[in-house]
Amino acid sequence: MVRHGVDAVLMIGPNGPDRLVTEQDVVALLAAGCDPGSTPVPQVTDRLVVPVTAAIDAVAALMLDTGRSHLLVRDVDRRIRGIVSLRDVAAAFLR
């Protein structure tokens, strides 16, 4: 993540994209004293998603409620279509 200058990485499972690993996840892992080299990704990530039709204020509320700065976006067929970040939400409110 540091090498590529990103703060979130989409993980691909057996059925396609399904998890997001963020810098928040890595910091929490280290704070818990876990070894990042041997800790399975599912152990430190969640599957919080928002529907592609979600309103920006609902996305902002979910981010505030969960403390997440990135969420997966899923379409009506339950396929991952992207990632929405706190920056995206802020930009939408500023427009």
PDB file of N, CA and C in Angstrom:
ATOM      1  N   MET A   1       0.826  -1.181   0.000  1.00  0.00           N
ATOM      2  CA  MET A   1       0.000   0.000   0.000  1.00  0.00           C
ATOM      3  C   MET A   1       0.879   1.257   0.000  1.00  0.00           C
ATOM      4  N   VAL A   2       1.912   1.235   0.813  1.00  0.00           N
ATOM      5  CA  VAL A   2       2.819   2.380   0.870  1.00  0.00           C
ATOM      6  C   VAL A   2       3.531   2.545  -0.460  1.00  0.00           C
ATOM      7  N   ARG A   3       3.994   1.452  -1.008  1.00  0.00           N
ATOM      8  CA  ARG A   3       4.736   1.500  -2.275  1.00  0.00           C
ATOM      9  C   ARG A   3       3.919   2.137  -3.397  1.00  0.00           C
ATOM     10  N   HIS A   4       2.610   1.889  -3.400  1.00  0.00           N
ATOM     11  CA  HIS A   4       1.763   2.394  -4.476  1.00  0.00           C
ATOM     12  C   HIS A   4       0.965   3.638  -4.088  1.00  0.00           C
ATOM     13  N   GLY A   5       1.157   4.110  -2.864  1.00  0.00           N
ATOM     14  CA  GLY A   5       0.494   5.329  -2.431  1.00  0.00           C
ATOM     15  C   GLY A   5      -1.011   5.222  -2.329  1.00  0.00           C
ATOM     16  N   VAL A   6      -1.506   4.075  -1.903  1.00  0.00           N
ATOM     17  CA  VAL A   6      -2.953   3.882  -1.748  1.00  0.00           C
ATOM     18  C   VAL A   6      -3.276   3.572  -0.295  1.00  0.00           C
ATOM     19  N   ASP A   7      -4.483   3.907   0.114  1.00  0.00           N
ATOM     20  CA  ASP A   7      -4.860   3.616   1.489  1.00  0.00           C
ATOM     21  C   ASP A   7      -5.985   2.598   1.588  1.00  0.00           C
ATOM     22  N   ALA A   8      -6.289   1.938   0.460  1.00  0.00           N
ATOM     23  CA  ALA A   8      -7.261   0.846   0.456  1.00  0.00           C
ATOM     24  C   ALA A   8      -6.963  -0.071  -0.724  1.00  0.00           C
ATOM     25  N   VAL A   9      -7.143  -1.374  -0.493  1.00  0.00           N
ATOM     26  CA  VAL A   9      -6.893  -2.368  -1.534  1.00  0.00           C
ATOM     27  C   VAL A   9      -8.089  -3.306  -1.601  1.00  0.00           C
ATOM     28  N   LEU A  10      -8.616  -3.500  -2.793  1.00  0.00           N
ATOM     29  CA  LEU A  10      -9.725  -4.414  -3.015  1.00  0.00           C
ATOM     30  C   LEU A  10      -9.187  -5.840  -3.084  1.00  0.00           C
ATOM     31  N   MET A  11      -9.755  -6.720  -2.278  1.00  0.00           N
ATOM     32  CA  MET A  11      -9.324  -8.112  -2.248  1.00  0.00           C
ATOM     33  C   MET A  11     -10.270  -8.950  -3.104  1.00  0.00           C
ATOM     34  N   ILE A  12      -9.692  -9.901  -3.829  1.00  0.00           N
ATOM     35  CA  ILE A  12     -10.463 -10.773  -4.709  1.00  0.00           C
ATOM     36  C   ILE A  12     -10.594 -12.138  -4.046  1.00  0.00           C
ATOM     37  N   GLY A  13     -11.839 -12.582  -3.835  1.00  0.00           N
ATOM     38  CA  GLY A  13     -12.115 -13.897  -3.267  1.00  0.00           C
ATOM     39  C   GLY A  13     -12.462 -14.875  -4.370  1.00  0.00           C
ATOM     40  N   PRO A  14     -12.901 -16.069  -4.009  1.00  0.00           N
ATOM     41  CA  PRO A  14     -13.237 -17.088  -5.006  1.00  0.00           C
ATOM     42  C   PRO A  14     -14.348 -16.667  -5.962  1.00  0.00           C
ATOM     43  N   ASN A  15     -15.228 -15.762  -5.511  1.00  0.00           N
ATOM     44  CA  ASN A  15     -16.349 -15.316  -6.347  1.00  0.00           C
ATOM     45  C   ASN A  15     -16.176 -13.890  -6.844  1.00  0.00           C
ATOM     46  N   GLY A  16     -14.943 -13.396  -6.841  1.00  0.00           N
ATOM     47  CA  GLY A  16     -14.677 -12.040  -7.305  1.00  0.00           C
ATOM     48  C   GLY A  16     -14.368 -11.105  -6.150  1.00  0.00           C
ATOM     49  N   PRO A  17     -14.364  -9.793  -6.393  1.00  0.00           N
ATOM     50  CA  PRO A  17     -14.044  -8.821  -5.349  1.00  0.00           C
ATOM     51  C   PRO A  17     -15.018  -8.948  -4.179  1.00  0.00           C
ATOM     52  N   ASP A  18     -14.482  -8.985  -2.954  1.00  0.00           N
ATOM     53  CA  ASP A  18     -15.399  -9.150  -1.828  1.00  0.00           C
ATOM     54  C   ASP A  18     -14.980  -8.459  -0.538  1.00  0.00           C
ATOM     55  N   ARG A  19     -13.788  -7.968  -0.452  1.00  0.00           N
ATOM     56  CA  ARG A  19     -13.328  -7.320   0.777  1.00  0.00           C
ATOM     57  C   ARG A  19     -12.448  -6.130   0.441  1.00  0.00           C
ATOM     58  N   LEU A  20     -12.362  -5.249   1.414  1.00  0.00           N
ATOM     59  CA  LEU A  20     -11.526  -4.080   1.289  1.00  0.00           C
ATOM     60  C   LEU A  20     -10.579  -4.053   2.477  1.00  0.00           C
ATOM     61  N   VAL A  21      -9.291  -3.950   2.219  1.00  0.00           N
ATOM     62  CA  VAL A  21      -8.299  -3.800   3.279  1.00  0.00           C
ATOM     63  C   VAL A  21      -7.849  -2.346   3.247  1.00  0.00           C
ATOM     64  N   THR A  22      -7.964  -1.679   4.388  1.00  0.00           N
ATOM     65  CA  THR A  22      -7.614  -0.261   4.448  1.00  0.00           C
ATOM     66  C   THR A  22      -6.455  -0.036   5.404  1.00  0.00           C
ATOM     67  N   GLU A  23      -5.907   1.156   5.340  1.00  0.00           N
ATOM     68  CA  GLU A  23      -4.849   1.501   6.284  1.00  0.00           C
ATOM     69  C   GLU A  23      -5.363   1.413   7.710  1.00  0.00           C
ATOM     70  N   GLN A  24      -6.649   1.695   7.919  1.00  0.00           N
ATOM     71  CA  GLN A  24      -7.245   1.560   9.244  1.00  0.00           C
ATOM     72  C   GLN A  24      -7.137   0.117   9.725  1.00  0.00           C
ATOM     73  N   ASP A  25      -7.384  -0.838   8.823  1.00  0.00           N
ATOM     74  CA  ASP A  25      -7.294  -2.258   9.172  1.00  0.00           C
ATOM     75  C   ASP A  25      -5.866  -2.629   9.572  1.00  0.00           C
ATOM     76  N   VAL A  26      -4.891  -2.126   8.833  1.00  0.00           N
ATOM     77  CA  VAL A  26      -3.486  -2.434   9.111  1.00  0.00           C
ATOM     78  C   VAL A  26      -3.067  -1.850  10.457  1.00  0.00           C
ATOM     79  N   VAL A  27      -3.465  -0.617  10.723  1.00  0.00           N
ATOM     80  CA  VAL A  27      -3.132   0.021  12.004  1.00  0.00           C
ATOM     81  C   VAL A  27      -3.766  -0.756  13.158  1.00  0.00           C
ATOM     82  N   ALA A  28      -5.033  -1.152  13.006  1.00  0.00           N
ATOM     83  CA  ALA A  28      -5.708  -1.927  14.054  1.00  0.00           C
ATOM     84  C   ALA A  28      -5.015  -3.268  14.283  1.00  0.00           C
ATOM     85  N   LEU A  29      -4.587  -3.901  13.204  1.00  0.00           N
ATOM     86  CA  LEU A  29      -3.867  -5.174  13.288  1.00  0.00           C
ATOM     87  C   LEU A  29      -2.578  -5.011  14.093  1.00  0.00           C
ATOM     88  N   LEU A  30      -1.817  -3.979  13.772  1.00  0.00           N
ATOM     89  CA  LEU A  30      -0.562  -3.735  14.479  1.00  0.00           C
ATOM     90  C   LEU A  30      -0.806  -3.358  15.938  1.00  0.00           C
ATOM     91  N   ALA A  31      -1.843  -2.552  16.175  1.00  0.00           N
ATOM     92  CA  ALA A  31      -2.162  -2.143  17.544  1.00  0.00           C
ATOM     93  C   ALA A  31      -2.565  -3.330  18.408  1.00  0.00           C
ATOM     94  N   ALA A  32      -3.159  -4.338  17.787  1.00  0.00           N
ATOM     95  CA  ALA A  32      -3.559  -5.540  18.518  1.00  0.00           C
ATOM     96  C   ALA A  32      -2.397  -6.500  18.733  1.00  0.00           C
ATOM     97  N   GLY A  33      -1.225  -6.154  18.191  1.00  0.00           N
ATOM     98  CA  GLY A  33      -0.045  -6.996  18.366  1.00  0.00           C
ATOM     99  C   GLY A  33      -0.010  -8.202  17.444  1.00  0.00           C
ATOM    100  N   CYS A  34      -0.833  -8.187  16.399  1.00  0.00           N
ATOM    101  CA  CYS A  34      -0.861  -9.312  15.461  1.00  0.00           C
ATOM    102  C   CYS A  34       0.286  -9.203  14.466  1.00  0.00           C
ATOM    103  N   ASP A  35       0.689 -10.330  13.942  1.00  0.00           N
ATOM    104  CA  ASP A  35       1.741 -10.383  12.929  1.00  0.00           C
ATOM    105  C   ASP A  35       1.110 -10.204  11.548  1.00  0.00           C
ATOM    106  N   PRO A  36       1.383  -9.092  10.854  1.00  0.00           N
ATOM    107  CA  PRO A  36       0.770  -8.878   9.548  1.00  0.00           C
ATOM    108  C   PRO A  36       1.197  -9.897   8.502  1.00  0.00           C
ATOM    109  N   GLY A  37       2.315 -10.566   8.722  1.00  0.00           N
ATOM    110  CA  GLY A  37       2.784 -11.563   7.774  1.00  0.00           C
ATOM    111  C   GLY A  37       2.067 -12.893   7.869  1.00  0.00           C
ATOM    112  N   SER A  38       1.373 -13.121   8.978  1.00  0.00           N
ATOM    113  CA  SER A  38       0.708 -14.420   9.136  1.00  0.00           C
ATOM    114  C   SER A  38      -0.784 -14.312   9.476  1.00  0.00           C
ATOM    115  N   THR A  39      -1.312 -13.116   9.569  1.00  0.00           N
ATOM    116  CA  THR A  39      -2.726 -12.943   9.897  1.00  0.00           C
ATOM    117  C   THR A  39      -3.557 -12.969   8.615  1.00  0.00           C
ATOM    118  N   PRO A  40      -4.538 -13.858   8.529  1.00  0.00           N
ATOM    119  CA  PRO A  40      -5.373 -13.938   7.322  1.00  0.00           C
ATOM    120  C   PRO A  40      -6.182 -12.651   7.120  1.00  0.00           C
ATOM    121  N   VAL A  41      -6.304 -12.226   5.878  1.00  0.00           N
ATOM    122  CA  VAL A  41      -7.031 -10.996   5.556  1.00  0.00           C
ATOM    123  C   VAL A  41      -8.441 -10.976   6.140  1.00  0.00           C
ATOM    124  N   PRO A  42      -9.241 -12.045   6.011  1.00  0.00           N
ATOM    125  CA  PRO A  42     -10.602 -11.986   6.552  1.00  0.00           C
ATOM    126  C   PRO A  42     -10.667 -11.690   8.053  1.00  0.00           C
ATOM    127  N   GLN A  43      -9.601 -11.968   8.756  1.00  0.00           N
ATOM    128  CA  GLN A  43      -9.580 -11.739  10.200  1.00  0.00           C
ATOM    129  C   GLN A  43      -9.530 -10.248  10.540  1.00  0.00           C
ATOM    130  N   VAL A  44      -9.073  -9.416   9.623  1.00  0.00           N
ATOM    131  CA  VAL A  44      -8.899  -7.996   9.932  1.00  0.00           C
ATOM    132  C   VAL A  44      -9.756  -7.072   9.068  1.00  0.00           C
ATOM    133  N   THR A  45     -10.619  -7.627   8.243  1.00  0.00           N
ATOM    134  CA  THR A  45     -11.454  -6.801   7.382  1.00  0.00           C
ATOM    135  C   THR A  45     -12.922  -7.048   7.682  1.00  0.00           C
ATOM    136  N   ASP A  46     -13.765  -6.198   7.144  1.00  0.00           N
ATOM    137  CA  ASP A  46     -15.201  -6.421   7.239  1.00  0.00           C
ATOM    138  C   ASP A  46     -15.783  -6.375   5.836  1.00  0.00           C
ATOM    139  N   ARG A  47     -17.058  -6.607   5.747  1.00  0.00           N
ATOM    140  CA  ARG A  47     -17.709  -6.616   4.433  1.00  0.00           C
ATOM    141  C   ARG A  47     -18.775  -5.539   4.350  1.00  0.00           C
ATOM    142  N   LEU A  48     -18.493  -4.394   4.937  1.00  0.00           N
ATOM    143  CA  LEU A  48     -19.447  -3.297   4.840  1.00  0.00           C
ATOM    144  C   LEU A  48     -19.575  -2.855   3.399  1.00  0.00           C
ATOM    145  N   VAL A  49     -20.803  -2.797   2.916  1.00  0.00           N
ATOM    146  CA  VAL A  49     -21.050  -2.363   1.547  1.00  0.00           C
ATOM    147  C   VAL A  49     -22.222  -1.394   1.529  1.00  0.00           C
ATOM    148  N   VAL A  50     -22.257  -0.574   0.501  1.00  0.00           N
ATOM    149  CA  VAL A  50     -23.409   0.286   0.253  1.00  0.00           C
ATOM    150  C   VAL A  50     -23.913  -0.024  -1.144  1.00  0.00           C
ATOM    151  N   PRO A  51     -25.232   0.067  -1.331  1.00  0.00           N
ATOM    152  CA  PRO A  51     -25.749  -0.149  -2.682  1.00  0.00           C
ATOM    153  C   PRO A  51     -25.381   1.008  -3.589  1.00  0.00           C
ATOM    154  N   VAL A  52     -25.250   0.730  -4.857  1.00  0.00           N
ATOM    155  CA  VAL A  52     -24.883   1.744  -5.833  1.00  0.00           C
ATOM    156  C   VAL A  52     -25.913   2.881  -5.856  1.00  0.00           C
ATOM    157  N   THR A  53     -27.111   2.622  -5.371  1.00  0.00           N
ATOM    158  CA  THR A  53     -28.178   3.624  -5.351  1.00  0.00           C
ATOM    159  C   THR A  53     -28.212   4.437  -4.061  1.00  0.00           C
ATOM    160  N   ALA A  54     -27.288   4.185  -3.142  1.00  0.00           N
ATOM    161  CA  ALA A  54     -27.300   4.881  -1.846  1.00  0.00           C
ATOM    162  C   ALA A  54     -27.084   6.377  -2.012  1.00  0.00           C
ATOM    163  N   ALA A  55     -27.819   7.143  -1.229  1.00  0.00           N
ATOM    164  CA  ALA A  55     -27.643   8.594  -1.215  1.00  0.00           C
ATOM    165  C   ALA A  55     -26.359   8.935  -0.467  1.00  0.00           C
ATOM    166  N   ILE A  56     -25.720  10.023  -0.870  1.00  0.00           N
ATOM    167  CA  ILE A  56     -24.454  10.430  -0.257  1.00  0.00           C
ATOM    168  C   ILE A  56     -24.606  10.645   1.247  1.00  0.00           C
ATOM    169  N   ASP A  57     -25.731  11.208   1.694  1.00  0.00           N
ATOM    170  CA  ASP A  57     -25.892  11.430   3.132  1.00  0.00           C
ATOM    171  C   ASP A  57     -25.981  10.113   3.896  1.00  0.00           C
ATOM    172  N   ALA A  58     -26.550   9.076   3.289  1.00  0.00           N
ATOM    173  CA  ALA A  58     -26.599   7.756   3.922  1.00  0.00           C
ATOM    174  C   ALA A  58     -25.205   7.139   3.997  1.00  0.00           C
ATOM    175  N   VAL A  59     -24.414   7.334   2.946  1.00  0.00           N
ATOM    176  CA  VAL A  59     -23.033   6.836   2.939  1.00  0.00           C
ATOM    177  C   VAL A  59     -22.226   7.551   4.018  1.00  0.00           C
ATOM    178  N   ALA A  60     -22.389   8.874   4.105  1.00  0.00           N
ATOM    179  CA  ALA A  60     -21.682   9.659   5.122  1.00  0.00           C
ATOM    180  C   ALA A  60     -22.075   9.189   6.523  1.00  0.00           C
ATOM    181  N   ALA A  61     -23.356   8.940   6.744  1.00  0.00           N
ATOM    182  CA  ALA A  61     -23.824   8.479   8.059  1.00  0.00           C
ATOM    183  C   ALA A  61     -23.218   7.121   8.409  1.00  0.00           C
ATOM    184  N   LEU A  62     -23.167   6.206   7.440  1.00  0.00           N
ATOM    185  CA  LEU A  62     -22.582   4.884   7.693  1.00  0.00           C
ATOM    186  C   LEU A  62     -21.096   5.015   8.027  1.00  0.00           C
ATOM    187  N   MET A  63     -20.400   5.879   7.308  1.00  0.00           N
ATOM    188  CA  MET A  63     -18.975   6.093   7.589  1.00  0.00           C
ATOM    189  C   MET A  63     -18.786   6.650   9.003  1.00  0.00           C
ATOM    190  N   LEU A  64     -19.619   7.602   9.390  1.00  0.00           N
ATOM    191  CA  LEU A  64     -19.517   8.166  10.734  1.00  0.00           C
ATOM    192  C   LEU A  64     -19.842   7.125  11.799  1.00  0.00           C
ATOM    193  N   ASP A  65     -20.891   6.344  11.572  1.00  0.00           N
ATOM    194  CA  ASP A  65     -21.321   5.333  12.545  1.00  0.00           C
ATOM    195  C   ASP A  65     -20.294   4.223  12.739  1.00  0.00           C
ATOM    196  N   THR A  66     -19.585   3.870  11.661  1.00  0.00           N
ATOM    197  CA  THR A  66     -18.656   2.737  11.715  1.00  0.00           C
ATOM    198  C   THR A  66     -17.190   3.139  11.824  1.00  0.00           C
ATOM    199  N   GLY A  67     -16.904   4.421  11.605  1.00  0.00           N
ATOM    200  CA  GLY A  67     -15.518   4.875  11.645  1.00  0.00           C
ATOM    201  C   GLY A  67     -14.720   4.479  10.416  1.00  0.00           C
ATOM    202  N   ARG A  68     -15.405   4.078   9.365  1.00  0.00           N
ATOM    203  CA  ARG A  68     -14.722   3.657   8.138  1.00  0.00           C
ATOM    204  C   ARG A  68     -14.536   4.847   7.203  1.00  0.00           C
ATOM    205  N   SER A  69     -13.426   4.870   6.498  1.00  0.00           N
ATOM    206  CA  SER A  69     -13.179   5.942   5.536  1.00  0.00           C
ATOM    207  C   SER A  69     -13.323   5.456   4.092  1.00  0.00           C
ATOM    208  N   HIS A  70     -13.585   4.164   3.930  1.00  0.00           N
ATOM    209  CA  HIS A  70     -13.792   3.567   2.607  1.00  0.00           C
ATOM    210  C   HIS A  70     -14.880   2.503   2.728  1.00  0.00           C
ATOM    211  N   LEU A  71     -15.741   2.428   1.732  1.00  0.00           N
ATOM    212  CA  LEU A  71     -16.774   1.396   1.692  1.00  0.00           C
ATOM    213  C   LEU A  71     -16.857   0.820   0.288  1.00  0.00           C
ATOM    214  N   LEU A  72     -17.207  -0.448   0.221  1.00  0.00           N
ATOM    215  CA  LEU A  72     -17.436  -1.083  -1.073  1.00  0.00           C
ATOM    216  C   LEU A  72     -18.811  -0.677  -1.594  1.00  0.00           C
ATOM    217  N   VAL A  73     -18.927  -0.552  -2.912  1.00  0.00           N
ATOM    218  CA  VAL A  73     -20.198  -0.221  -3.558  1.00  0.00           C
ATOM    219  C   VAL A  73     -20.646  -1.433  -4.361  1.00  0.00           C
ATOM    220  N   ARG A  74     -21.885  -1.869  -4.107  1.00  0.00           N
ATOM    221  CA  ARG A  74     -22.410  -3.079  -4.739  1.00  0.00           C
ATOM    222  C   ARG A  74     -23.629  -2.735  -5.591  1.00  0.00           C
ATOM    223  N   ASP A  75     -23.764  -3.405  -6.757  1.00  0.00           N
ATOM    224  CA  ASP A  75     -24.919  -3.175  -7.622  1.00  0.00           C
ATOM    225  C   ASP A  75     -26.074  -4.096  -7.236  1.00  0.00           C
ATOM    226  N   VAL A  76     -27.177  -4.012  -7.990  1.00  0.00           N
ATOM    227  CA  VAL A  76     -28.368  -4.799  -7.653  1.00  0.00           C
ATOM    228  C   VAL A  76     -28.134  -6.301  -7.808  1.00  0.00           C
ATOM    229  N   ASP A  77     -27.145  -6.679  -8.592  1.00  0.00           N
ATOM    230  CA  ASP A  77     -26.804  -8.097  -8.755  1.00  0.00           C
ATOM    231  C   ASP A  77     -25.774  -8.554  -7.729  1.00  0.00           C
ATOM    232  N   ARG A  78     -25.500  -7.682  -6.735  1.00  0.00           N
ATOM    233  CA  ARG A  78     -24.579  -7.948  -5.628  1.00  0.00           C
ATOM    234  C   ARG A  78     -23.117  -8.033  -6.065  1.00  0.00           C
ATOM    235  N   ARG A  79     -22.797  -7.472  -7.231  1.00  0.00           N
ATOM    236  CA  ARG A  79     -21.404  -7.413  -7.688  1.00  0.00           C
ATOM    237  C   ARG A  79     -20.773  -6.119  -7.182  1.00  0.00           C
ATOM    238  N   ILE A  80     -19.509  -6.211  -6.805  1.00  0.00           N
ATOM    239  CA  ILE A  80     -18.783  -5.016  -6.367  1.00  0.00           C
ATOM    240  C   ILE A  80     -18.521  -4.152  -7.591  1.00  0.00           C
ATOM    241  N   ARG A  81     -18.891  -2.877  -7.482  1.00  0.00           N
ATOM    242  CA  ARG A  81     -18.730  -1.954  -8.592  1.00  0.00           C
ATOM    243  C   ARG A  81     -17.714  -0.860  -8.328  1.00  0.00           C
ATOM    244  N   GLY A  82     -17.261  -0.760  -7.089  1.00  0.00           N
ATOM    245  CA  GLY A  82     -16.276   0.271  -6.804  1.00  0.00           C
ATOM    246  C   GLY A  82     -16.087   0.483  -5.321  1.00  0.00           C
ATOM    247  N   ILE A  83     -15.378   1.547  -5.031  1.00  0.00           N
ATOM    248  CA  ILE A  83     -15.065   1.932  -3.661  1.00  0.00           C
ATOM    249  C   ILE A  83     -15.428   3.403  -3.521  1.00  0.00           C
ATOM    250  N   VAL A  84     -16.107   3.747  -2.446  1.00  0.00           N
ATOM    251  CA  VAL A  84     -16.379   5.149  -2.156  1.00  0.00           C
ATOM    252  C   VAL A  84     -15.531   5.530  -0.946  1.00  0.00           C
ATOM    253  N   SER A  85     -14.860   6.660  -1.036  1.00  0.00           N
ATOM    254  CA  SER A  85     -13.981   7.097   0.043  1.00  0.00           C
ATOM    255  C   SER A  85     -14.556   8.324   0.731  1.00  0.00           C
ATOM    256  N   LEU A  86     -14.000   8.629   1.876  1.00  0.00           N
ATOM    257  CA  LEU A  86     -14.395   9.823   2.607  1.00  0.00           C
ATOM    258  C   LEU A  86     -14.161  11.065   1.743  1.00  0.00           C
ATOM    259  N   ARG A  87     -13.102  11.050   0.964  1.00  0.00           N
ATOM    260  CA  ARG A  87     -12.842  12.171   0.040  1.00  0.00           C
ATOM    261  C   ARG A  87     -13.956  12.319  -0.985  1.00  0.00           C
ATOM    262  N   ASP A  88     -14.456  11.195  -1.493  1.00  0.00           N
ATOM    263  CA  ASP A  88     -15.575  11.231  -2.445  1.00  0.00           C
ATOM    264  C   ASP A  88     -16.803  11.873  -1.804  1.00  0.00           C
ATOM    265  N   VAL A  89     -17.080  11.474  -0.576  1.00  0.00           N
ATOM    266  CA  VAL A  89     -18.249  12.005   0.151  1.00  0.00           C
ATOM    267  C   VAL A  89     -18.075  13.505   0.391  1.00  0.00           C
ATOM    268  N   ALA A  90     -16.897  13.902   0.850  1.00  0.00           N
ATOM    269  CA  ALA A  90     -16.636  15.316   1.097  1.00  0.00           C
ATOM    270  C   ALA A  90     -16.790  16.120  -0.186  1.00  0.00           C
ATOM    271  N   ALA A  91     -16.266  15.617  -1.282  1.00  0.00           N
ATOM    272  CA  ALA A  91     -16.362  16.317  -2.567  1.00  0.00           C
ATOM    273  C   ALA A  91     -17.813  16.481  -2.988  1.00  0.00           C
ATOM    274  N   ALA A  92     -18.640  15.459  -2.754  1.00  0.00           N
ATOM    275  CA  ALA A  92     -20.048  15.532  -3.121  1.00  0.00           C
ATOM    276  C   ALA A  92     -20.766  16.625  -2.309  1.00  0.00           C
ATOM    277  N   PHE A  93     -20.421  16.753  -1.038  1.00  0.00           N
ATOM    278  CA  PHE A  93     -21.051  17.775  -0.202  1.00  0.00           C
ATOM    279  C   PHE A  93     -20.590  19.181  -0.579  1.00  0.00           C
ATOM    280  N   LEU A  94     -19.390  19.289  -1.129  1.00  0.00           N
ATOM    281  CA  LEU A  94     -18.856  20.599  -1.473  1.00  0.00           C
ATOM    282  C   LEU A  94     -19.295  21.097  -2.841  1.00  0.00           C
ATOM    283  N   ARG A  95     -19.888  20.227  -3.619  1.00  0.00           N
ATOM    284  CA  ARG A  95     -20.327  20.626  -4.969  1.00  0.00           C
ATOM    285  C   ARG A  95     -21.607  21.401  -4.900  1.00  0.00           C
TER     286      ARG A  95
END
